[in-house]
C-alpha atoms as a PDB file:
ATOM      1  CA  MET A   1       0.045   2.288   2.018  1.00  0.00           C
ATOM      2  CA  GLU A   2       1.836   3.384   5.112  1.00  0.00           C
ATOM      3  CA  GLN A   3       1.948   1.319   8.268  1.00  0.00           C
ATOM      4  CA  ARG A   4      -0.341   3.754  10.091  1.00  0.00           C
ATOM      5  CA  GLU A   5      -3.068   3.324   7.475  1.00  0.00           C
ATOM      6  CA  GLU A   6      -2.644  -0.460   7.562  1.00  0.00           C
ATOM      7  CA  GLU A   7      -3.124  -0.409  11.338  1.00  0.00           C
ATOM      8  CA  LEU A   8      -6.285   1.712  11.044  1.00  0.00           C
ATOM      9  CA  ILE A   9      -7.651  -0.675   8.442  1.00  0.00           C
ATOM     10  CA  ARG A  10      -7.010  -3.674  10.711  1.00  0.00           C
ATOM     11  CA  GLN A  11      -8.724  -1.877  13.606  1.00  0.00           C
ATOM     12  CA  HIS A  12     -11.866  -1.005  11.663  1.00  0.00           C
ATOM     13  CA  ALA A  13     -12.179  -3.728   9.029  1.00  0.00           C
ATOM     14  CA  ASP A  14     -14.074  -6.049  11.380  1.00  0.00           C
ATOM     15  CA  HIS A  15     -17.018  -3.687  11.698  1.00  0.00           C
ATOM     16  CA  ASP A  16     -16.708  -1.761   8.415  1.00  0.00           C
ATOM     17  CA  GLN A  17     -17.527  -4.132   5.571  1.00  0.00           C
ATOM     18  CA  GLU A  18     -17.001  -1.500   2.888  1.00  0.00           C
ATOM     19  CA  LEU A  19     -13.495  -0.801   4.164  1.00  0.00           C
ATOM     20  CA  ARG A  20     -12.696  -4.500   4.340  1.00  0.00           C
ATOM     21  CA  ALA A  21     -13.973  -5.125   0.798  1.00  0.00           C
ATOM     22  CA  LEU A  22     -12.059  -2.163  -0.616  1.00  0.00           C
ATOM     23  CA  TYR A  23      -8.864  -3.233   1.120  1.00  0.00           C
ATOM     24  CA  GLU A  24      -9.161  -6.832  -0.068  1.00  0.00           C
ATOM     25  CA  GLU A  25      -9.728  -5.674  -3.636  1.00  0.00           C
ATOM     26  CA  HIS A  26      -6.805  -3.255  -3.329  1.00  0.00           C
ATOM     27  CA  GLN A  27      -4.599  -6.181  -2.259  1.00  0.00           C
ATOM     28  CA  GLN A  28      -5.782  -8.239  -5.240  1.00  0.00           C
ATOM     29  CA  PHE A  29      -4.843  -5.400  -7.579  1.00  0.00           C
ATOM     30  CA  LYS A  30      -1.447  -5.193  -5.882  1.00  0.00           C
ATOM     31  CA  ARG A  31      -0.814  -8.919  -6.418  1.00  0.00           C
ATOM     32  CA  ARG A  32      -1.849  -8.711 -10.077  1.00  0.00           C
ATOM     33  CA  LEU A  33       0.491  -5.788 -10.661  1.00  0.00           C
ATOM     34  CA  GLU A  34       3.331  -7.695  -9.014  1.00  0.00           C
ATOM     35  CA  SER A  35       2.760 -10.588 -11.412  1.00  0.00           C
ATOM     36  CA  PHE A  36       3.077  -8.178 -14.334  1.00  0.00           C
ATOM     37  CA  ARG A  37       6.288  -6.724 -12.904  1.00  0.00           C
ATOM     38  CA  GLU A  38       7.845 -10.198 -12.682  1.00  0.00           C
ATOM     39  CA  ARG A  39       7.585 -10.656 -16.434  1.00  0.00           C
ATOM     40  CA  ALA A  40      10.409  -9.631 -18.712  1.00  0.00           C
ATOM     41  CA  TYR A  41       8.038  -8.661 -21.508  1.00  0.00           C
ATOM     42  CA  LEU A  42       4.385  -7.625 -21.697  1.00  0.00           C
ATOM     43  CA  THR A  43       2.198  -7.776 -24.759  1.00  0.00           C
ATOM     44  CA  ALA A  44       0.288  -4.657 -25.756  1.00  0.00           C
ATOM     45  CA  GLU A  45      -2.861  -6.134 -24.198  1.00  0.00           C
ATOM     46  CA  GLU A  46      -1.046  -6.948 -20.972  1.00  0.00           C
ATOM     47  CA  GLU A  47       0.418  -3.445 -20.839  1.00  0.00           C
ATOM     48  CA  MET A  48      -3.074  -1.963 -21.226  1.00  0.00           C
ATOM     49  CA  GLU A  49      -4.402  -4.278 -18.512  1.00  0.00           C
ATOM     50  CA  LYS A  50      -1.538  -3.267 -16.228  1.00  0.00           C
ATOM     51  CA  LYS A  51      -2.358   0.419 -16.694  1.00  0.00           C
ATOM     52  CA  ARG A  52      -6.062  -0.259 -16.094  1.00  0.00           C
ATOM     53  CA  ILE A  53      -5.287  -2.096 -12.863  1.00  0.00           C
ATOM     54  CA  GLN A  54      -2.969   0.703 -11.737  1.00  0.00           C
ATOM     55  CA  LYS A  55      -5.793   3.212 -12.167  1.00  0.00           C
ATOM     56  CA  LEU A  56      -8.272   0.979 -10.341  1.00  0.00           C
ATOM     57  CA  LYS A  57      -5.798   0.414  -7.500  1.00  0.00           C
ATOM     58  CA  LEU A  58      -5.254   4.146  -7.137  1.00  0.00           C
ATOM     59  CA  ALA A  59      -9.014   4.771  -7.085  1.00  0.00           C
ATOM     60  CA  GLN A  60      -9.395   2.083  -4.392  1.00  0.00           C
ATOM     61  CA  LYS A  61      -6.692   3.726  -2.314  1.00  0.00           C
ATOM     62  CA  ASP A  62      -8.449   7.093  -2.591  1.00  0.00           C
ATOM     63  CA  ARG A  63     -11.699   5.535  -1.393  1.00  0.00           C
ATOM     64  CA  ILE A  64      -9.918   3.746   1.461  1.00  0.00           C
ATOM     65  CA  MET A  65      -8.213   6.971   2.532  1.00  0.00           C
ATOM     66  CA  ALA A  66     -11.560   8.800   2.544  1.00  0.00           C
ATOM     67  CA  ILE A  67     -12.992   6.137   4.861  1.00  0.00           C
ATOM     68  CA  LEU A  68      -9.945   6.262   7.106  1.00  0.00           C
ATOM     69  CA  ALA A  69     -10.282  10.040   7.357  1.00  0.00           C
ATOM     70  CA  ARG A  70     -13.583   9.493   9.145  1.00  0.00           C
ATOM     71  CA  TYR A  71     -11.847   7.353  11.782  1.00  0.00           C
ATOM     72  CA  ARG A  72      -9.092   9.855  12.514  1.00  0.00           C
END
């Protein structure tokens, strides 16, 4: 996410629980993906999990961006 979006999230997360929850989950997905990237080798199951998380993270970002569009 760009810095502008991060700033909007910080401004509105206190009073928008949905936005806060989506952002926190998005950050969890990001951390999980980083842990996969640190590994030299992934099993087939881990590779599938990585792809699943990538899709979920992208869906979260789309939902976050839709919420942020209301605040712009």
